[in-house]
Amino acid sequence: MIPRALRARLRTPAFVLLGLNAAVFAAWTLPRTIAERNAVAHAAALREEVARERAAVLALRDRAEALAANARDSDRLFREVLGSRRDALLPVIGEIHAAAKAEGLVLGSESYQPEPGRAGAPSRFRVQLPVSGSYDQIVGFLGRLEASKQFLVIDELNLGAGNDGQARLNIRLSAYYRESAPAEAASA
């Protein structure tokens, strides 16, 4: 055993050494530990930000691909599907009349209204067409319009019954066409 006097003399240096160890820990090890924790937290935050940015880039790539596909489809629509006003509208009107005649429908007074398209959009020709006949005739007529080679869109259907027992259909449809280019219009 260590004598009491020696213990008393060693107590002060032991406390000084203990204090010195605490000071070295506080001055050297603690800041490093805190810096490492901060670096780990910062690295995790950066990984999350990179993951968010990658997801955003993927979403933008998907959107760019969709826009490119839409542009290709739009170009194909204008090149291959839509004709000029002169080339598209007469066949559309003829096909509507032929479909009504083939089904035995009675046509009412038709109305036509052109609507010029905005820049880069096709122009539209609205057709308001009342027809009357049996339900089967009207279904057959709509089937013929749906199977048409022309680019037709049925905008609105109003079906009712007349006093004579016939079904009356008021149909509004749109035929789309591309405006003629100035050179094309001059040669027409």
N, C-alpha and C. Protein backbone atom coordinates (compact mmCIF):
# COMPACT_ATOMS: atom_id res chain seq x y z
N MET A 1 0.78 -1.18 0.00
CA MET A 1 0.00 0.00 0.00
C MET A 1 0.83 1.26 0.00
N ILE A 2 0.22 2.26 -0.62
CA ILE A 2 0.95 3.52 -0.72
C ILE A 2 0.63 4.32 0.55
N PRO A 3 1.71 4.81 1.20
CA PRO A 3 1.47 5.58 2.41
C PRO A 3 0.64 6.84 2.14
N ARG A 4 -0.01 7.27 3.15
CA ARG A 4 -0.95 8.38 3.08
C ARG A 4 -0.26 9.68 2.64
N ALA A 5 0.90 9.94 3.07
CA ALA A 5 1.62 11.17 2.73
C ALA A 5 1.97 11.18 1.25
N LEU A 6 2.37 10.01 0.76
CA LEU A 6 2.71 9.90 -0.66
C LEU A 6 1.47 10.09 -1.52
N ARG A 7 0.37 9.52 -1.06
CA ARG A 7 -0.90 9.69 -1.79
C ARG A 7 -1.29 11.15 -1.85
N ALA A 8 -1.10 11.87 -0.78
CA ALA A 8 -1.47 13.28 -0.75
C ALA A 8 -0.60 14.07 -1.71
N ARG A 9 0.72 13.69 -1.77
CA ARG A 9 1.61 14.39 -2.68
C ARG A 9 1.31 14.07 -4.13
N LEU A 10 0.89 12.86 -4.41
CA LEU A 10 0.62 12.43 -5.80
C LEU A 10 -0.78 12.86 -6.28
N ARG A 11 -1.62 13.20 -5.36
CA ARG A 11 -2.99 13.58 -5.72
C ARG A 11 -2.99 14.81 -6.63
N THR A 12 -2.25 15.84 -6.31
CA THR A 12 -2.24 17.07 -7.10
C THR A 12 -1.68 16.81 -8.49
N PRO A 13 -0.51 16.12 -8.64
CA PRO A 13 -0.04 15.84 -10.00
C PRO A 13 -1.02 14.95 -10.78
N ALA A 14 -1.68 14.01 -10.09
CA ALA A 14 -2.65 13.14 -10.79
C ALA A 14 -3.83 13.95 -11.31
N PHE A 15 -4.31 14.90 -10.51
CA PHE A 15 -5.40 15.77 -10.98
C PHE A 15 -4.95 16.68 -12.12
N VAL A 16 -3.71 17.16 -12.02
CA VAL A 16 -3.17 18.00 -13.10
C VAL A 16 -3.07 17.17 -14.38
N LEU A 17 -2.57 15.93 -14.27
CA LEU A 17 -2.46 15.04 -15.43
C LEU A 17 -3.84 14.72 -15.99
N LEU A 18 -4.79 14.47 -15.12
CA LEU A 18 -6.16 14.21 -15.57
C LEU A 18 -6.74 15.43 -16.28
N GLY A 19 -6.50 16.62 -15.73
CA GLY A 19 -6.96 17.86 -16.37
C GLY A 19 -6.29 18.09 -17.71
N LEU A 20 -4.97 17.77 -17.76
CA LEU A 20 -4.24 17.90 -19.00
C LEU A 20 -4.78 16.95 -20.07
N ASN A 21 -5.08 15.72 -19.67
CA ASN A 21 -5.68 14.76 -20.61
C ASN A 21 -7.04 15.28 -21.12
N ALA A 22 -7.83 15.83 -20.23
CA ALA A 22 -9.14 16.38 -20.64
C ALA A 22 -8.95 17.56 -21.59
N ALA A 23 -7.94 18.39 -21.30
CA ALA A 23 -7.68 19.54 -22.18
C ALA A 23 -7.21 19.08 -23.55
N VAL A 24 -6.32 18.09 -23.61
CA VAL A 24 -5.85 17.56 -24.90
C VAL A 24 -7.02 16.93 -25.65
N PHE A 25 -7.86 16.18 -24.95
CA PHE A 25 -9.05 15.60 -25.60
C PHE A 25 -9.94 16.69 -26.17
N ALA A 26 -10.19 17.73 -25.37
CA ALA A 26 -11.06 18.82 -25.81
C ALA A 26 -10.44 19.60 -26.96
N ALA A 27 -9.10 19.77 -26.91
CA ALA A 27 -8.45 20.59 -27.94
C ALA A 27 -8.15 19.80 -29.21
N TRP A 28 -7.90 18.52 -29.12
CA TRP A 28 -7.44 17.75 -30.27
C TRP A 28 -8.48 16.75 -30.75
N THR A 29 -8.94 15.88 -29.93
CA THR A 29 -9.80 14.78 -30.32
C THR A 29 -11.23 15.22 -30.54
N LEU A 30 -11.78 16.04 -29.68
CA LEU A 30 -13.18 16.46 -29.79
C LEU A 30 -13.45 17.23 -31.09
N PRO A 31 -12.64 18.22 -31.49
CA PRO A 31 -12.92 18.90 -32.76
C PRO A 31 -12.84 17.95 -33.96
N ARG A 32 -11.88 17.03 -33.90
CA ARG A 32 -11.79 16.05 -34.98
C ARG A 32 -13.03 15.17 -35.05
N THR A 33 -13.50 14.73 -33.92
CA THR A 33 -14.70 13.90 -33.88
C THR A 33 -15.90 14.68 -34.41
N ILE A 34 -16.02 15.92 -33.98
CA ILE A 34 -17.13 16.76 -34.46
C ILE A 34 -17.00 17.00 -35.96
N ALA A 35 -15.78 17.26 -36.43
CA ALA A 35 -15.56 17.49 -37.87
C ALA A 35 -15.91 16.24 -38.67
N GLU A 36 -15.54 15.06 -38.17
CA GLU A 36 -15.87 13.81 -38.85
C GLU A 36 -17.39 13.61 -38.91
N ARG A 37 -18.06 13.87 -37.80
CA ARG A 37 -19.53 13.75 -37.79
C ARG A 37 -20.16 14.72 -38.79
N ASN A 38 -19.65 15.96 -38.80
CA ASN A 38 -20.17 16.95 -39.76
C ASN A 38 -19.89 16.51 -41.20
N ALA A 39 -18.71 15.97 -41.43
CA ALA A 39 -18.36 15.51 -42.79
C ALA A 39 -19.27 14.35 -43.20
N VAL A 40 -19.53 13.44 -42.29
CA VAL A 40 -20.42 12.31 -42.60
C VAL A 40 -21.83 12.82 -42.90
N ALA A 41 -22.32 13.76 -42.08
CA ALA A 41 -23.66 14.32 -42.30
C ALA A 41 -23.71 15.10 -43.62
N HIS A 42 -22.64 15.85 -43.90
CA HIS A 42 -22.58 16.61 -45.16
C HIS A 42 -22.54 15.66 -46.36
N ALA A 43 -21.76 14.59 -46.24
CA ALA A 43 -21.69 13.60 -47.32
C ALA A 43 -23.06 12.95 -47.56
N ALA A 44 -23.77 12.64 -46.49
CA ALA A 44 -25.11 12.05 -46.64
C ALA A 44 -26.06 13.05 -47.30
N ALA A 45 -25.98 14.32 -46.91
CA ALA A 45 -26.83 15.34 -47.53
C ALA A 45 -26.49 15.49 -49.01
N LEU A 46 -25.21 15.45 -49.34
CA LEU A 46 -24.80 15.55 -50.75
C LEU A 46 -25.27 14.33 -51.55
N ARG A 47 -25.20 13.14 -50.95
CA ARG A 47 -25.72 11.94 -51.64
C ARG A 47 -27.21 12.08 -51.94
N GLU A 48 -27.96 12.59 -50.96
CA GLU A 48 -29.39 12.80 -51.17
C GLU A 48 -29.63 13.83 -52.27
N GLU A 49 -28.83 14.89 -52.27
CA GLU A 49 -28.98 15.91 -53.31
C GLU A 49 -28.63 15.35 -54.69
N VAL A 50 -27.59 14.53 -54.76
CA VAL A 50 -27.22 13.89 -56.03
C VAL A 50 -28.35 12.98 -56.50
N ALA A 51 -28.94 12.24 -55.57
CA ALA A 51 -30.06 11.35 -55.94
C ALA A 51 -31.24 12.17 -56.46
N ARG A 52 -31.55 13.30 -55.81
CA ARG A 52 -32.64 14.17 -56.29
C ARG A 52 -32.32 14.73 -57.67
N GLU A 53 -31.08 15.17 -57.85
CA GLU A 53 -30.69 15.73 -59.14
C GLU A 53 -30.73 14.68 -60.24
N ARG A 54 -30.32 13.46 -59.94
CA ARG A 54 -30.40 12.37 -60.93
C ARG A 54 -31.85 12.10 -61.31
N ALA A 55 -32.71 12.09 -60.31
CA ALA A 55 -34.13 11.88 -60.59
C ALA A 55 -34.67 13.02 -61.45
N ALA A 56 -34.26 14.25 -61.16
CA ALA A 56 -34.71 15.39 -61.96
C ALA A 56 -34.18 15.29 -63.38
N VAL A 57 -32.93 14.87 -63.54
CA VAL A 57 -32.36 14.71 -64.89
C VAL A 57 -33.11 13.62 -65.65
N LEU A 58 -33.42 12.51 -64.98
CA LEU A 58 -34.18 11.44 -65.64
C LEU A 58 -35.56 11.94 -66.06
N ALA A 59 -36.19 12.71 -65.19
CA ALA A 59 -37.51 13.26 -65.54
C ALA A 59 -37.39 14.20 -66.73
N LEU A 60 -36.35 15.02 -66.75
CA LEU A 60 -36.16 15.93 -67.88
C LEU A 60 -35.84 15.16 -69.17
N ARG A 61 -35.08 14.08 -69.07
CA ARG A 61 -34.81 13.25 -70.25
C ARG A 61 -36.10 12.63 -70.77
N ASP A 62 -36.91 12.11 -69.84
CA ASP A 62 -38.19 11.53 -70.25
C ASP A 62 -39.06 12.59 -70.93
N ARG A 63 -39.07 13.79 -70.37
CA ARG A 63 -39.86 14.86 -70.96
C ARG A 63 -39.32 15.25 -72.33
N ALA A 64 -37.99 15.31 -72.44
CA ALA A 64 -37.38 15.63 -73.74
C ALA A 64 -37.71 14.56 -74.77
N GLU A 65 -37.67 13.29 -74.36
CA GLU A 65 -38.03 12.21 -75.28
C GLU A 65 -39.50 12.31 -75.69
N ALA A 66 -40.37 12.63 -74.74
CA ALA A 66 -41.79 12.79 -75.06
C ALA A 66 -42.00 13.96 -76.01
N LEU A 67 -41.29 15.07 -75.77
CA LEU A 67 -41.41 16.22 -76.67
C LEU A 67 -40.90 15.89 -78.06
N ALA A 68 -39.79 15.15 -78.13
CA ALA A 68 -39.26 14.75 -79.44
C ALA A 68 -40.24 13.83 -80.15
N ALA A 69 -40.83 12.89 -79.42
CA ALA A 69 -41.82 11.99 -80.03
C ALA A 69 -43.05 12.78 -80.49
N ASN A 70 -43.47 13.75 -79.68
CA ASN A 70 -44.61 14.59 -80.08
C ASN A 70 -44.28 15.39 -81.33
N ALA A 71 -43.06 15.90 -81.40
CA ALA A 71 -42.65 16.67 -82.59
C ALA A 71 -42.64 15.78 -83.82
N ARG A 72 -42.13 14.55 -83.67
CA ARG A 72 -42.14 13.60 -84.81
C ARG A 72 -43.57 13.28 -85.22
N ASP A 73 -44.44 13.03 -84.23
CA ASP A 73 -45.84 12.73 -84.54
C ASP A 73 -46.52 13.92 -85.20
N SER A 74 -46.23 15.10 -84.71
CA SER A 74 -46.83 16.31 -85.30
C SER A 74 -46.36 16.50 -86.74
N ASP A 75 -45.06 16.30 -86.97
CA ASP A 75 -44.55 16.41 -88.34
C ASP A 75 -45.21 15.38 -89.24
N ARG A 76 -45.32 14.14 -88.75
CA ARG A 76 -45.96 13.09 -89.54
C ARG A 76 -47.42 13.43 -89.81
N LEU A 77 -48.13 13.98 -88.80
CA LEU A 77 -49.52 14.38 -88.98
C LEU A 77 -49.64 15.40 -90.10
N PHE A 78 -48.79 16.42 -90.06
CA PHE A 78 -48.85 17.46 -91.09
C PHE A 78 -48.42 16.94 -92.46
N ARG A 79 -47.41 16.06 -92.50
CA ARG A 79 -46.91 15.56 -93.78
C ARG A 79 -47.80 14.50 -94.40
N GLU A 80 -48.25 13.53 -93.59
CA GLU A 80 -48.89 12.33 -94.14
C GLU A 80 -50.40 12.27 -93.96
N VAL A 81 -50.92 12.88 -92.91
CA VAL A 81 -52.34 12.70 -92.61
C VAL A 81 -53.18 13.88 -93.09
N LEU A 82 -52.76 15.08 -92.73
CA LEU A 82 -53.56 16.26 -93.06
C LEU A 82 -53.24 16.74 -94.47
N GLY A 83 -54.28 17.02 -95.19
CA GLY A 83 -54.10 17.63 -96.50
C GLY A 83 -54.30 19.12 -96.40
N SER A 84 -54.13 19.78 -97.53
CA SER A 84 -54.41 21.21 -97.55
C SER A 84 -55.93 21.38 -97.50
N ARG A 85 -56.36 22.59 -97.27
CA ARG A 85 -57.80 22.85 -97.15
C ARG A 85 -58.53 22.39 -98.41
N ARG A 86 -57.97 22.74 -99.55
CA ARG A 86 -58.61 22.38 -100.82
C ARG A 86 -58.66 20.86 -101.01
N ASP A 87 -57.57 20.18 -100.63
CA ASP A 87 -57.50 18.73 -100.85
C ASP A 87 -58.24 17.93 -99.79
N ALA A 88 -58.47 18.51 -98.62
CA ALA A 88 -59.04 17.73 -97.51
C ALA A 88 -60.54 17.92 -97.34
N LEU A 89 -61.06 19.12 -97.54
CA LEU A 89 -62.44 19.39 -97.13
C LEU A 89 -63.48 18.79 -98.07
N LEU A 90 -63.26 18.88 -99.35
CA LEU A 90 -64.25 18.29 -100.26
C LEU A 90 -64.39 16.78 -100.06
N PRO A 91 -63.30 16.02 -99.93
CA PRO A 91 -63.46 14.60 -99.64
C PRO A 91 -64.15 14.33 -98.30
N VAL A 92 -63.90 15.17 -97.30
CA VAL A 92 -64.54 14.99 -95.98
C VAL A 92 -66.04 15.17 -96.12
N ILE A 93 -66.44 16.26 -96.75
CA ILE A 93 -67.88 16.52 -96.92
C ILE A 93 -68.52 15.42 -97.76
N GLY A 94 -67.83 15.00 -98.82
CA GLY A 94 -68.34 13.92 -99.66
C GLY A 94 -68.49 12.62 -98.88
N GLU A 95 -67.52 12.33 -98.03
CA GLU A 95 -67.59 11.09 -97.25
C GLU A 95 -68.71 11.14 -96.21
N ILE A 96 -68.93 12.31 -95.60
CA ILE A 96 -70.03 12.46 -94.65
C ILE A 96 -71.37 12.21 -95.36
N HIS A 97 -71.54 12.81 -96.52
CA HIS A 97 -72.79 12.65 -97.28
C HIS A 97 -72.95 11.20 -97.74
N ALA A 98 -71.84 10.59 -98.20
CA ALA A 98 -71.92 9.19 -98.66
C ALA A 98 -72.28 8.26 -97.50
N ALA A 99 -71.73 8.51 -96.31
CA ALA A 99 -72.04 7.67 -95.15
C ALA A 99 -73.51 7.82 -94.76
N ALA A 100 -74.02 9.06 -94.79
CA ALA A 100 -75.43 9.29 -94.45
C ALA A 100 -76.33 8.63 -95.49
N LYS A 101 -75.98 8.75 -96.76
CA LYS A 101 -76.79 8.15 -97.83
C LYS A 101 -76.76 6.63 -97.75
N ALA A 102 -75.58 6.06 -97.46
CA ALA A 102 -75.44 4.60 -97.37
C ALA A 102 -76.29 4.04 -96.23
N GLU A 103 -76.46 4.79 -95.18
CA GLU A 103 -77.26 4.33 -94.05
C GLU A 103 -78.73 4.71 -94.19
N GLY A 104 -79.08 5.49 -95.20
CA GLY A 104 -80.47 5.89 -95.42
C GLY A 104 -80.93 6.98 -94.48
N LEU A 105 -80.03 7.80 -93.99
CA LEU A 105 -80.39 8.88 -93.08
C LEU A 105 -80.88 10.09 -93.88
N VAL A 106 -81.71 10.88 -93.23
CA VAL A 106 -82.17 12.13 -93.81
C VAL A 106 -81.31 13.25 -93.21
N LEU A 107 -80.63 13.99 -94.08
CA LEU A 107 -79.77 15.08 -93.63
C LEU A 107 -80.58 16.35 -93.48
N GLY A 108 -80.29 17.09 -92.41
CA GLY A 108 -80.91 18.40 -92.22
C GLY A 108 -80.01 19.48 -92.81
N SER A 109 -80.23 20.68 -92.41
CA SER A 109 -79.46 21.81 -92.91
C SER A 109 -78.09 21.82 -92.23
N GLU A 110 -77.05 21.73 -93.04
CA GLU A 110 -75.68 21.68 -92.52
C GLU A 110 -75.13 23.09 -92.39
N SER A 111 -74.18 23.23 -91.48
CA SER A 111 -73.46 24.50 -91.41
C SER A 111 -71.97 24.19 -91.27
N TYR A 112 -71.19 25.07 -91.86
CA TYR A 112 -69.73 24.91 -91.87
C TYR A 112 -69.09 26.17 -91.33
N GLN A 113 -68.02 25.99 -90.57
CA GLN A 113 -67.34 27.15 -90.00
C GLN A 113 -65.84 26.86 -89.95
N PRO A 114 -65.05 27.60 -90.73
CA PRO A 114 -63.59 27.40 -90.66
C PRO A 114 -63.01 28.10 -89.43
N GLU A 115 -62.00 27.49 -88.84
CA GLU A 115 -61.28 28.08 -87.71
C GLU A 115 -59.80 27.95 -87.99
N PRO A 116 -59.14 29.07 -88.28
CA PRO A 116 -57.71 28.98 -88.55
C PRO A 116 -56.94 28.51 -87.32
N GLY A 117 -55.90 27.74 -87.55
CA GLY A 117 -55.10 27.23 -86.44
C GLY A 117 -54.08 28.25 -85.98
N ARG A 118 -53.67 28.10 -84.74
CA ARG A 118 -52.58 28.94 -84.23
C ARG A 118 -51.28 28.48 -84.87
N ALA A 119 -50.22 29.18 -84.60
CA ALA A 119 -48.92 28.84 -85.17
C ALA A 119 -48.55 27.40 -84.81
N GLY A 120 -48.25 26.61 -85.81
CA GLY A 120 -47.84 25.22 -85.59
C GLY A 120 -48.99 24.26 -85.34
N ALA A 121 -50.22 24.74 -85.33
CA ALA A 121 -51.38 23.88 -85.09
C ALA A 121 -52.19 23.77 -86.37
N PRO A 122 -52.85 22.65 -86.58
CA PRO A 122 -53.68 22.53 -87.78
C PRO A 122 -54.92 23.42 -87.69
N SER A 123 -55.42 23.77 -88.84
CA SER A 123 -56.67 24.52 -88.90
C SER A 123 -57.81 23.53 -88.82
N ARG A 124 -58.98 24.05 -88.45
CA ARG A 124 -60.13 23.16 -88.25
C ARG A 124 -61.31 23.72 -89.02
N PHE A 125 -62.09 22.79 -89.53
CA PHE A 125 -63.32 23.13 -90.22
C PHE A 125 -64.43 22.42 -89.45
N ARG A 126 -65.28 23.20 -88.77
CA ARG A 126 -66.37 22.61 -87.98
C ARG A 126 -67.58 22.36 -88.88
N VAL A 127 -68.18 21.22 -88.68
CA VAL A 127 -69.37 20.85 -89.44
C VAL A 127 -70.47 20.56 -88.44
N GLN A 128 -71.58 21.27 -88.56
CA GLN A 128 -72.77 21.03 -87.74
C GLN A 128 -73.75 20.31 -88.65
N LEU A 129 -74.16 19.12 -88.23
CA LEU A 129 -74.93 18.27 -89.13
C LEU A 129 -76.08 17.59 -88.39
N PRO A 130 -77.32 18.00 -88.64
CA PRO A 130 -78.45 17.26 -88.07
C PRO A 130 -78.85 16.12 -89.01
N VAL A 131 -79.06 14.94 -88.46
CA VAL A 131 -79.53 13.79 -89.24
C VAL A 131 -80.68 13.14 -88.50
N SER A 132 -81.52 12.45 -89.25
CA SER A 132 -82.60 11.70 -88.60
C SER A 132 -82.76 10.37 -89.30
N GLY A 133 -83.15 9.39 -88.52
CA GLY A 133 -83.34 8.03 -89.01
C GLY A 133 -83.51 7.11 -87.82
N SER A 134 -83.43 5.82 -88.08
CA SER A 134 -83.57 4.87 -86.98
C SER A 134 -82.27 4.84 -86.17
N TYR A 135 -82.38 4.27 -84.99
CA TYR A 135 -81.21 4.17 -84.12
C TYR A 135 -80.11 3.37 -84.81
N ASP A 136 -80.47 2.26 -85.45
CA ASP A 136 -79.49 1.43 -86.15
C ASP A 136 -78.81 2.20 -87.28
N GLN A 137 -79.58 3.01 -87.99
CA GLN A 137 -78.99 3.81 -89.07
C GLN A 137 -77.98 4.81 -88.51
N ILE A 138 -78.33 5.42 -87.39
CA ILE A 138 -77.43 6.41 -86.78
C ILE A 138 -76.15 5.73 -86.27
N VAL A 139 -76.28 4.56 -85.67
CA VAL A 139 -75.11 3.82 -85.19
C VAL A 139 -74.23 3.43 -86.38
N GLY A 140 -74.85 3.00 -87.47
CA GLY A 140 -74.09 2.66 -88.67
C GLY A 140 -73.37 3.87 -89.24
N PHE A 141 -74.05 5.02 -89.24
CA PHE A 141 -73.46 6.27 -89.73
C PHE A 141 -72.24 6.65 -88.90
N LEU A 142 -72.37 6.59 -87.57
CA LEU A 142 -71.24 6.92 -86.70
C LEU A 142 -70.08 5.93 -86.89
N GLY A 143 -70.43 4.66 -87.11
CA GLY A 143 -69.39 3.67 -87.39
C GLY A 143 -68.64 3.98 -88.68
N ARG A 144 -69.37 4.42 -89.69
CA ARG A 144 -68.71 4.79 -90.96
C ARG A 144 -67.81 6.01 -90.77
N LEU A 145 -68.27 6.99 -89.98
CA LEU A 145 -67.43 8.16 -89.73
C LEU A 145 -66.17 7.76 -88.96
N GLU A 146 -66.34 6.86 -88.01
CA GLU A 146 -65.21 6.42 -87.21
C GLU A 146 -64.18 5.68 -88.05
N ALA A 147 -64.64 4.92 -89.05
CA ALA A 147 -63.75 4.15 -89.91
C ALA A 147 -63.25 4.96 -91.10
N SER A 148 -63.61 6.21 -91.16
CA SER A 148 -63.25 7.06 -92.30
C SER A 148 -61.74 7.18 -92.47
N LYS A 149 -61.33 7.31 -93.70
CA LYS A 149 -59.92 7.55 -94.00
C LYS A 149 -59.56 9.01 -93.76
N GLN A 150 -60.57 9.83 -93.66
CA GLN A 150 -60.36 11.26 -93.42
C GLN A 150 -60.09 11.48 -91.93
N PHE A 151 -59.42 12.57 -91.62
CA PHE A 151 -59.12 12.90 -90.23
C PHE A 151 -60.28 13.69 -89.67
N LEU A 152 -61.22 12.96 -89.05
CA LEU A 152 -62.43 13.56 -88.48
C LEU A 152 -62.44 13.35 -86.97
N VAL A 153 -62.94 14.34 -86.27
CA VAL A 153 -63.10 14.21 -84.82
C VAL A 153 -64.54 14.59 -84.50
N ILE A 154 -65.24 13.70 -83.83
CA ILE A 154 -66.62 13.99 -83.40
C ILE A 154 -66.52 14.78 -82.10
N ASP A 155 -66.97 16.02 -82.17
CA ASP A 155 -66.87 16.91 -81.01
C ASP A 155 -68.06 16.78 -80.07
N GLU A 156 -69.25 16.62 -80.64
CA GLU A 156 -70.45 16.64 -79.81
C GLU A 156 -71.56 15.86 -80.50
N LEU A 157 -72.31 15.10 -79.71
CA LEU A 157 -73.48 14.37 -80.20
C LEU A 157 -74.67 14.72 -79.31
N ASN A 158 -75.78 15.05 -79.92
CA ASN A 158 -77.03 15.25 -79.18
C ASN A 158 -78.07 14.36 -79.84
N LEU A 159 -78.52 13.37 -79.09
CA LEU A 159 -79.47 12.41 -79.62
C LEU A 159 -80.83 12.66 -78.98
N GLY A 160 -81.85 12.68 -79.80
CA GLY A 160 -83.20 12.86 -79.30
C GLY A 160 -84.18 12.12 -80.20
N ALA A 161 -85.44 12.20 -79.84
CA ALA A 161 -86.48 11.54 -80.63
C ALA A 161 -87.40 12.60 -81.19
N GLY A 162 -87.77 12.42 -82.45
CA GLY A 162 -88.71 13.34 -83.08
C GLY A 162 -90.14 12.87 -82.88
N ASN A 163 -91.11 13.70 -83.29
CA ASN A 163 -92.53 13.35 -83.16
C ASN A 163 -92.90 12.18 -84.06
N ASP A 164 -92.12 11.96 -85.12
CA ASP A 164 -92.43 10.88 -86.07
C ASP A 164 -91.83 9.55 -85.65
N GLY A 165 -91.24 9.47 -84.46
CA GLY A 165 -90.66 8.22 -83.97
C GLY A 165 -89.24 8.00 -84.43
N GLN A 166 -88.73 8.87 -85.25
CA GLN A 166 -87.37 8.74 -85.74
C GLN A 166 -86.40 9.35 -84.70
N ALA A 167 -85.21 8.79 -84.67
CA ALA A 167 -84.16 9.36 -83.82
C ALA A 167 -83.58 10.56 -84.55
N ARG A 168 -83.31 11.59 -83.80
CA ARG A 168 -82.69 12.79 -84.36
C ARG A 168 -81.33 12.97 -83.69
N LEU A 169 -80.34 13.12 -84.53
CA LEU A 169 -78.98 13.29 -84.04
C LEU A 169 -78.44 14.60 -84.57
N ASN A 170 -78.01 15.44 -83.66
CA ASN A 170 -77.32 16.66 -84.05
C ASN A 170 -75.86 16.40 -83.74
N ILE A 171 -75.06 16.35 -84.78
CA ILE A 171 -73.65 16.00 -84.62
C ILE A 171 -72.79 17.19 -85.01
N ARG A 172 -71.79 17.43 -84.19
CA ARG A 172 -70.81 18.46 -84.52
C ARG A 172 -69.46 17.76 -84.61
N LEU A 173 -68.84 17.89 -85.77
CA LEU A 173 -67.54 17.26 -85.94
C LEU A 173 -66.57 18.24 -86.54
N SER A 174 -65.32 17.89 -86.45
CA SER A 174 -64.26 18.76 -86.95
C SER A 174 -63.41 17.99 -87.94
N ALA A 175 -63.11 18.64 -89.03
CA ALA A 175 -62.16 18.12 -90.01
C ALA A 175 -60.94 19.02 -89.93
N TYR A 176 -59.79 18.42 -89.82
CA TYR A 176 -58.56 19.19 -89.68
C TYR A 176 -57.78 19.20 -90.99
N TYR A 177 -57.11 20.28 -91.24
CA TYR A 177 -56.30 20.42 -92.44
C TYR A 177 -55.15 21.35 -92.14
N ARG A 178 -54.17 21.34 -93.01
CA ARG A 178 -53.05 22.27 -92.84
C ARG A 178 -53.25 23.43 -93.79
N GLU A 179 -52.89 24.60 -93.31
CA GLU A 179 -52.98 25.78 -94.17
C GLU A 179 -51.95 25.65 -95.27
N SER A 180 -52.29 26.12 -96.43
CA SER A 180 -51.36 26.09 -97.54
C SER A 180 -50.23 27.07 -97.29
N ALA A 181 -49.05 26.68 -97.68
CA ALA A 181 -47.91 27.60 -97.61
C ALA A 181 -48.13 28.68 -98.66
N PRO A 182 -47.56 29.87 -98.50
CA PRO A 182 -47.77 30.94 -99.47
C PRO A 182 -47.44 30.52 -100.90
N ALA A 183 -46.36 29.76 -101.12
CA ALA A 183 -46.00 29.31 -102.47
C ALA A 183 -47.03 28.34 -103.00
N GLU A 184 -47.54 27.47 -102.09
CA GLU A 184 -48.56 26.48 -102.46
C GLU A 184 -49.87 27.18 -102.81
N ALA A 185 -50.21 28.22 -102.06
CA ALA A 185 -51.46 28.96 -102.29
C ALA A 185 -51.38 29.72 -103.61
N ALA A 186 -50.20 30.24 -103.95
CA ALA A 186 -50.05 31.01 -105.20
C ALA A 186 -50.17 30.11 -106.42
N SER A 187 -49.73 28.85 -106.29
CA SER A 187 -49.82 27.94 -107.45
C SER A 187 -51.20 27.34 -107.58
N ALA A 188 -52.07 27.51 -106.60
CA ALA A 188 -53.40 26.91 -106.64
C ALA A 188 -54.36 27.67 -107.49
